[in-house]
PDB file of N, CA and C in Angstrom:
ATOM      1  N   MET A   1     166.634  98.741 121.219  1.00  0.00           N
ATOM      2  CA  MET A   1     166.990 100.040 120.677  1.00  0.00           C
ATOM      3  C   MET A   1     166.403 101.125 121.590  1.00  0.00           C
ATOM      4  N   THR A   2     167.205 102.131 121.851  1.00  0.00           N
ATOM      5  CA  THR A   2     166.783 103.249 122.681  1.00  0.00           C
ATOM      6  C   THR A   2     166.269 104.390 121.810  1.00  0.00           C
ATOM      7  N   VAL A   3     165.158 104.988 122.231  1.00  0.00           N
ATOM      8  CA  VAL A   3     164.606 106.146 121.541  1.00  0.00           C
ATOM      9  C   VAL A   3     164.617 107.317 122.518  1.00  0.00           C
ATOM     10  N   LYS A   4     165.175 108.459 122.078  1.00  0.00           N
ATOM     11  CA  LYS A   4     165.244 109.654 122.922  1.00  0.00           C
ATOM     12  C   LYS A   4     164.678 110.841 122.155  1.00  0.00           C
ATOM     13  N   PHE A   5     164.189 111.826 122.901  1.00  0.00           N
ATOM     14  CA  PHE A   5     163.593 113.015 122.310  1.00  0.00           C
ATOM     15  C   PHE A   5     164.397 114.233 122.745  1.00  0.00           C
ATOM     16  N   PHE A   6     164.868 115.023 121.777  1.00  0.00           N
ATOM     17  CA  PHE A   6     165.732 116.160 122.064  1.00  0.00           C
ATOM     18  C   PHE A   6     165.187 117.453 121.470  1.00  0.00           C
ATOM     19  N   LYS A   7     165.690 118.572 121.995  1.00  0.00           N
ATOM     20  CA  LYS A   7     165.404 119.888 121.430  1.00  0.00           C
ATOM     21  C   LYS A   7     166.709 120.677 121.374  1.00  0.00           C
ATOM     22  N   LYS A   8     166.783 121.559 120.392  1.00  0.00           N
ATOM     23  CA  LYS A   8     167.918 122.477 120.261  1.00  0.00           C
ATOM     24  C   LYS A   8     167.317 123.876 120.187  1.00  0.00           C
ATOM     25  N   THR A   9     167.744 124.747 121.083  1.00  0.00           N
ATOM     26  CA  THR A   9     167.225 126.108 121.112  1.00  0.00           C
ATOM     27  C   THR A   9     168.341 127.091 120.796  1.00  0.00           C
ATOM     28  N   GLY A  10     167.960 128.241 120.297  1.00  0.00           N
ATOM     29  CA  GLY A  10     168.939 129.274 119.984  1.00  0.00           C
ATOM     30  C   GLY A  10     168.250 130.501 119.425  1.00  0.00           C
ATOM     31  N   THR A  11     169.038 131.368 118.827  1.00  0.00           N
ATOM     32  CA  THR A  11     168.501 132.585 118.218  1.00  0.00           C
ATOM     33  C   THR A  11     169.101 132.763 116.830  1.00  0.00           C
ATOM     34  N   TYR A  12     168.408 133.575 116.023  1.00  0.00           N
ATOM     35  CA  TYR A  12     168.897 133.929 114.691  1.00  0.00           C
ATOM     36  C   TYR A  12     168.392 135.325 114.378  1.00  0.00           C
ATOM     37  N   ASN A  13     169.002 135.985 113.404  1.00  0.00           N
ATOM     38  CA  ASN A  13     168.550 137.299 112.965  1.00  0.00           C
ATOM     39  C   ASN A  13     167.638 137.139 111.761  1.00  0.00           C
ATOM     40  N   ASP A  14     166.411 137.672 111.880  1.00  0.00           N
ATOM     41  CA  ASP A  14     165.440 137.630 110.796  1.00  0.00           C
ATOM     42  C   ASP A  14     165.963 138.472 109.637  1.00  0.00           C
ATOM     43  N   LYS A  15     166.003 137.895 108.434  1.00  0.00           N
ATOM     44  CA  LYS A  15     166.549 138.598 107.261  1.00  0.00           C
ATOM     45  C   LYS A  15     165.707 139.806 106.866  1.00  0.00           C
ATOM     46  N   GLU A  16     164.384 139.732 107.065  1.00  0.00           N
ATOM     47  CA  GLU A  16     163.505 140.826 106.659  1.00  0.00           C
ATOM     48  C   GLU A  16     163.512 141.982 107.655  1.00  0.00           C
ATOM     49  N   THR A  17     163.411 141.660 108.947  1.00  0.00           N
ATOM     50  CA  THR A  17     163.302 142.710 109.954  1.00  0.00           C
ATOM     51  C   THR A  17     164.619 143.039 110.634  1.00  0.00           C
ATOM     52  N   GLY A  18     165.580 142.116 110.583  1.00  0.00           N
ATOM     53  CA  GLY A  18     166.852 142.313 111.264  1.00  0.00           C
ATOM     54  C   GLY A  18     166.768 142.047 112.760  1.00  0.00           C
ATOM     55  N   LYS A  19     165.575 141.702 113.251  1.00  0.00           N
ATOM     56  CA  LYS A  19     165.390 141.439 114.678  1.00  0.00           C
ATOM     57  C   LYS A  19     165.852 140.035 115.032  1.00  0.00           C
ATOM     58  N   GLU A  20     166.336 139.892 116.262  1.00  0.00           N
ATOM     59  CA  GLU A  20     166.742 138.590 116.751  1.00  0.00           C
ATOM     60  C   GLU A  20     165.498 137.805 117.163  1.00  0.00           C
ATOM     61  N   LYS A  21     165.410 136.564 116.702  1.00  0.00           N
ATOM     62  CA  LYS A  21     164.276 135.700 117.014  1.00  0.00           C
ATOM     63  C   LYS A  21     164.784 134.398 117.618  1.00  0.00           C
ATOM     64  N   ARG A  22     163.929 133.774 118.425  1.00  0.00           N
ATOM     65  CA  ARG A  22     164.274 132.498 119.045  1.00  0.00           C
ATOM     66  C   ARG A  22     163.768 131.347 118.182  1.00  0.00           C
ATOM     67  N   PHE A  23     164.437 130.203 118.267  1.00  0.00           N
ATOM     68  CA  PHE A  23     163.965 128.993 117.586  1.00  0.00           C
ATOM     69  C   PHE A  23     164.119 127.792 118.508  1.00  0.00           C
ATOM     70  N   THR A  24     163.308 126.775 118.250  1.00  0.00           N
ATOM     71  CA  THR A  24     163.433 125.485 118.913  1.00  0.00           C
ATOM     72  C   THR A  24     163.257 124.417 117.845  1.00  0.00           C
ATOM     73  N   ASN A  25     164.241 123.563 117.693  1.00  0.00           N
ATOM     74  CA  ASN A  25     164.173 122.435 116.765  1.00  0.00           C
ATOM     75  C   ASN A  25     164.078 121.153 117.584  1.00  0.00           C
ATOM     76  N   PHE A  26     163.273 120.213 117.114  1.00  0.00           N
ATOM     77  CA  PHE A  26     163.063 118.955 117.826  1.00  0.00           C
ATOM     78  C   PHE A  26     163.626 117.794 117.014  1.00  0.00           C
ATOM     79  N   TYR A  27     164.119 116.776 117.736  1.00  0.00           N
ATOM     80  CA  TYR A  27     164.713 115.593 117.105  1.00  0.00           C
ATOM     81  C   TYR A  27     164.369 114.352 117.907  1.00  0.00           C
ATOM     82  N   VAL A  28     164.177 113.237 117.201  1.00  0.00           N
ATOM     83  CA  VAL A  28     164.048 111.925 117.822  1.00  0.00           C
ATOM     84  C   VAL A  28     165.307 111.157 117.461  1.00  0.00           C
ATOM     85  N   GLU A  29     165.943 110.581 118.463  1.00  0.00           N
ATOM     86  CA  GLU A  29     167.130 109.754 118.219  1.00  0.00           C
ATOM     87  C   GLU A  29     166.710 108.290 118.329  1.00  0.00           C
ATOM     88  N   CYS A  30     166.845 107.580 117.224  1.00  0.00           N
ATOM     89  CA  CYS A  30     166.534 106.146 117.170  1.00  0.00           C
ATOM     90  C   CYS A  30     167.826 105.429 116.835  1.00  0.00           C
ATOM     91  N   GLY A  31     168.375 104.722 117.809  1.00  0.00           N
ATOM     92  CA  GLY A  31     169.676 104.086 117.592  1.00  0.00           C
ATOM     93  C   GLY A  31     170.712 105.159 117.359  1.00  0.00           C
ATOM     94  N   ASP A  32     171.373 105.121 116.190  1.00  0.00           N
ATOM     95  CA  ASP A  32     172.391 106.126 115.880  1.00  0.00           C
ATOM     96  C   ASP A  32     171.891 107.180 114.886  1.00  0.00           C
ATOM     97  N   LYS A  33     170.590 107.209 114.627  1.00  0.00           N
ATOM     98  CA  LYS A  33     170.001 108.170 113.681  1.00  0.00           C
ATOM     99  C   LYS A  33     169.296 109.289 114.435  1.00  0.00           C
ATOM    100  N   LEU A  34     169.481 110.521 113.972  1.00  0.00           N
ATOM    101  CA  LEU A  34     168.814 111.686 114.528  1.00  0.00           C
ATOM    102  C   LEU A  34     167.803 112.177 113.496  1.00  0.00           C
ATOM    103  N   ILE A  35     166.516 112.113 113.843  1.00  0.00           N
ATOM    104  CA  ILE A  35     165.439 112.411 112.903  1.00  0.00           C
ATOM    105  C   ILE A  35     164.750 113.706 113.328  1.00  0.00           C
ATOM    106  N   PRO A  36     164.703 114.730 112.447  1.00  0.00           N
ATOM    107  CA  PRO A  36     164.030 115.978 112.816  1.00  0.00           C
ATOM    108  C   PRO A  36     162.513 115.788 112.910  1.00  0.00           C
ATOM    109  N   VAL A  37     161.910 116.500 113.867  1.00  0.00           N
ATOM    110  CA  VAL A  37     160.464 116.471 114.090  1.00  0.00           C
ATOM    111  C   VAL A  37     159.983 117.912 114.091  1.00  0.00           C
ATOM    112  N   GLU A  38     158.884 118.182 113.383  1.00  0.00           N
ATOM    113  CA  GLU A  38     158.358 119.544 113.322  1.00  0.00           C
ATOM    114  C   GLU A  38     156.888 119.545 113.704  1.00  0.00           C
ATOM    115  N   PRO A  39     156.514 120.344 114.724  1.00  0.00           N
ATOM    116  CA  PRO A  39     155.087 120.469 115.020  1.00  0.00           C
ATOM    117  C   PRO A  39     154.404 121.184 113.860  1.00  0.00           C
ATOM    118  N   VAL A  40     153.266 120.682 113.441  1.00  0.00           N
ATOM    119  CA  VAL A  40     152.578 121.213 112.263  1.00  0.00           C
ATOM    120  C   VAL A  40     151.596 122.306 112.671  1.00  0.00           C
ATOM    121  N   TYR A  41     151.533 123.365 111.865  1.00  0.00           N
ATOM    122  CA  TYR A  41     150.591 124.457 112.047  1.00  0.00           C
ATOM    123  C   TYR A  41     149.402 124.196 111.140  1.00  0.00           C
ATOM    124  N   PHE A  42     148.203 124.092 111.716  1.00  0.00           N
ATOM    125  CA  PHE A  42     146.989 123.823 110.948  1.00  0.00           C
ATOM    126  C   PHE A  42     146.132 125.085 110.890  1.00  0.00           C
ATOM    127  N   PRO A  43     146.189 125.864 109.804  1.00  0.00           N
ATOM    128  CA  PRO A  43     145.344 127.055 109.690  1.00  0.00           C
ATOM    129  C   PRO A  43     143.864 126.668 109.790  1.00  0.00           C
ATOM    130  N   ASN A  44     143.122 127.428 110.567  1.00  0.00           N
ATOM    131  CA  ASN A  44     141.708 127.129 110.773  1.00  0.00           C
ATOM    132  C   ASN A  44     140.870 128.339 110.375  1.00  0.00           C
ATOM    133  N   PRO A  45     140.048 128.206 109.326  1.00  0.00           N
ATOM    134  CA  PRO A  45     139.228 129.333 108.860  1.00  0.00           C
ATOM    135  C   PRO A  45     138.299 129.900 109.938  1.00  0.00           C
ATOM    136  N   GLN A  46     137.908 129.082 110.901  1.00  0.00           N
ATOM    137  CA  GLN A  46     137.040 129.567 111.975  1.00  0.00           C
ATOM    138  C   GLN A  46     137.750 130.567 112.882  1.00  0.00           C
ATOM    139  N   PHE A  47     139.082 130.556 112.849  1.00  0.00           N
ATOM    140  CA  PHE A  47     139.883 131.453 113.689  1.00  0.00           C
ATOM    141  C   PHE A  47     140.780 132.341 112.839  1.00  0.00           C
ATOM    142  N   GLU A  48     140.272 132.814 111.704  1.00  0.00           N
ATOM    143  CA  GLU A  48     141.018 133.688 110.791  1.00  0.00           C
ATOM    144  C   GLU A  48     142.349 133.052 110.377  1.00  0.00           C
ATOM    145  N   ASN A  49     142.299 131.746 110.120  1.00  0.00           N
ATOM    146  CA  ASN A  49     143.445 130.925 109.700  1.00  0.00           C
ATOM    147  C   ASN A  49     144.547 130.819 110.748  1.00  0.00           C
ATOM    148  N   ARG A  50     144.214 131.112 111.994  1.00  0.00           N
ATOM    149  CA  ARG A  50     145.158 130.845 113.079  1.00  0.00           C
ATOM    150  C   ARG A  50     144.974 129.404 113.536  1.00  0.00           C
ATOM    151  N   ASP A  51     145.937 128.877 114.254  1.00  0.00           N
ATOM    152  CA  ASP A  51     145.849 127.538 114.847  1.00  0.00           C
ATOM    153  C   ASP A  51     145.949 127.717 116.357  1.00  0.00           C
ATOM    154  N   PRO A  52     144.809 127.839 117.057  1.00  0.00           N
ATOM    155  CA  PRO A  52     144.851 128.126 118.489  1.00  0.00           C
ATOM    156  C   PRO A  52     145.471 127.014 119.337  1.00  0.00           C
ATOM    157  N   GLN A  53     145.628 125.821 118.791  1.00  0.00           N
ATOM    158  CA  GLN A  53     146.211 124.726 119.564  1.00  0.00           C
ATOM    159  C   GLN A  53     147.700 124.532 119.293  1.00  0.00           C
ATOM    160  N   TYR A  54     148.268 125.277 118.339  1.00  0.00           N
ATOM    161  CA  TYR A  54     149.675 125.097 117.965  1.00  0.00           C
ATOM    162  C   TYR A  54     150.615 125.325 119.148  1.00  0.00           C
ATOM    163  N   GLN A  55     150.447 126.441 119.850  1.00  0.00           N
ATOM    164  CA  GLN A  55     151.347 126.748 120.964  1.00  0.00           C
ATOM    165  C   GLN A  55     151.292 125.669 122.043  1.00  0.00           C
ATOM    166  N   GLY A  56     150.110 125.115 122.288  1.00  0.00           N
ATOM    167  CA  GLY A  56     149.980 124.043 123.270  1.00  0.00           C
ATOM    168  C   GLY A  56     150.711 122.781 122.848  1.00  0.00           C
ATOM    169  N   ARG A  57     150.573 122.417 121.570  1.00  0.00           N
ATOM    170  CA  ARG A  57     151.295 121.229 121.075  1.00  0.00           C
ATOM    171  C   ARG A  57     152.799 121.427 121.170  1.00  0.00           C
ATOM    172  N   LYS A  58     153.247 122.612 120.802  1.00  0.00           N
ATOM    173  CA  LYS A  58     154.687 122.895 120.858  1.00  0.00           C
ATOM    174  C   LYS A  58     155.183 122.906 122.309  1.00  0.00           C
ATOM    175  N   ALA A  59     154.384 123.436 123.227  1.00  0.00           N
ATOM    176  CA  ALA A  59     154.768 123.476 124.644  1.00  0.00           C
ATOM    177  C   ALA A  59     154.929 122.070 125.217  1.00  0.00           C
ATOM    178  N   VAL A  60     154.056 121.140 124.804  1.00  0.00           N
ATOM    179  CA  VAL A  60     154.173 119.754 125.267  1.00  0.00           C
ATOM    180  C   VAL A  60     155.481 119.148 124.766  1.00  0.00           C
ATOM    181  N   LEU A  61     155.808 119.382 123.492  1.00  0.00           N
ATOM    182  CA  LEU A  61     157.073 118.868 122.953  1.00  0.00           C
ATOM    183  C   LEU A  61     158.252 119.442 123.721  1.00  0.00           C
ATOM    184  N   GLU A  62     158.241 120.739 123.973  1.00  0.00           N
ATOM    185  CA  GLU A  62     159.334 121.379 124.715  1.00  0.00           C
ATOM    186  C   GLU A  62     159.465 120.817 126.123  1.00  0.00           C
ATOM    187  N   ALA A  63     158.340 120.517 126.769  1.00  0.00           N
ATOM    188  CA  ALA A  63     158.366 120.018 128.138  1.00  0.00           C
ATOM    189  C   ALA A  63     159.005 118.634 128.246  1.00  0.00           C
ATOM    190  N   PHE A  64     158.819 117.797 127.237  1.00  0.00           N
ATOM    191  CA  PHE A  64     159.314 116.429 127.312  1.00  0.00           C
ATOM    192  C   PHE A  64     160.665 116.213 126.638  1.00  0.00           C
ATOM    193  N   ALA A  65     161.145 117.181 125.879  1.00  0.00           N
ATOM    194  CA  ALA A  65     162.415 117.018 125.160  1.00  0.00           C
ATOM    195  C   ALA A  65     163.587 117.423 126.043  1.00  0.00           C
ATOM    196  N   GLU A  66     164.674 116.669 125.935  1.00  0.00           N
ATOM    197  CA  GLU A  66     165.926 117.012 126.606  1.00  0.00           C
ATOM    198  C   GLU A  66     166.746 117.884 125.663  1.00  0.00           C
ATOM    199  N   GLU A  67     167.651 118.693 126.224  1.00  0.00           N
ATOM    200  CA  GLU A  67     168.537 119.498 125.379  1.00  0.00           C
ATOM    201  C   GLU A  67     169.432 118.571 124.559  1.00  0.00           C
ATOM    202  N   LEU A  68     169.573 118.877 123.286  1.00  0.00           N
ATOM    203  CA  LEU A  68     170.435 118.089 122.401  1.00  0.00           C
ATOM    204  C   LEU A  68     171.881 118.307 122.813  1.00  0.00           C
ATOM    205  N   PRO A  69     172.609 117.241 123.142  1.00  0.00           N
ATOM    206  CA  PRO A  69     174.008 117.413 123.524  1.00  0.00           C
ATOM    207  C   PRO A  69     174.845 117.862 122.324  1.00  0.00           C
ATOM    208  N   ALA A  70     175.897 118.617 122.614  1.00  0.00           N
ATOM    209  CA  ALA A  70     176.804 119.072 121.554  1.00  0.00           C
ATOM    210  C   ALA A  70     177.509 117.866 120.943  1.00  0.00           C
ATOM    211  N   LYS A  71     177.810 117.981 119.642  1.00  0.00           N
ATOM    212  CA  LYS A  71     178.540 116.908 118.969  1.00  0.00           C
ATOM    213  C   LYS A  71     179.940 116.817 119.551  1.00  0.00           C
ATOM    214  N   GLU A  72     180.447 115.593 119.653  1.00  0.00           N
ATOM    215  CA  GLU A  72     181.813 115.391 120.130  1.00  0.00           C
ATOM    216  C   GLU A  72     182.783 116.016 119.140  1.00  0.00           C
ATOM    217  N   GLY A  73     183.734 116.770 119.659  1.00  0.00           N
ATOM    218  CA  GLY A  73     184.736 117.384 118.805  1.00  0.00           C
ATOM    219  C   GLY A  73     184.314 118.717 118.228  1.00  0.00           C
ATOM    220  N   ALA A  74     183.066 119.138 118.472  1.00  0.00           N
ATOM    221  CA  ALA A  74     182.594 120.437 117.959  1.00  0.00           C
ATOM    222  C   ALA A  74     182.891 121.512 118.977  1.00  0.00           C
ATOM    223  N   SER A  75     183.349 122.648 118.500  1.00  0.00           N
ATOM    224  CA  SER A  75     183.621 123.757 119.407  1.00  0.00           C
ATOM    225  C   SER A  75     182.384 124.639 119.523  1.00  0.00           C
ATOM    226  N   ALA A  76     182.173 125.196 120.712  1.00  0.00           N
ATOM    227  CA  ALA A  76     180.973 126.015 120.946  1.00  0.00           C
ATOM    228  C   ALA A  76     181.141 127.423 120.476  1.00  0.00           C
TER     229      ALA A  76
END
């Protein structure tokens, strides 16, 4: 069985601010199944509930993930 790691990037309009924001979604493909993966944010009281390592973890995922190919038959 082949396992692959993918990412899907794009933009959306924030409902509260109306500003355009970027997103990255991650997926693991195992056989014919596509499983979503989400990097977890761990609030840390020592850093005013920020997670100083979150961006680094997400950057590693982005570096190793391939772009998710478009579905066959889907129009862009």
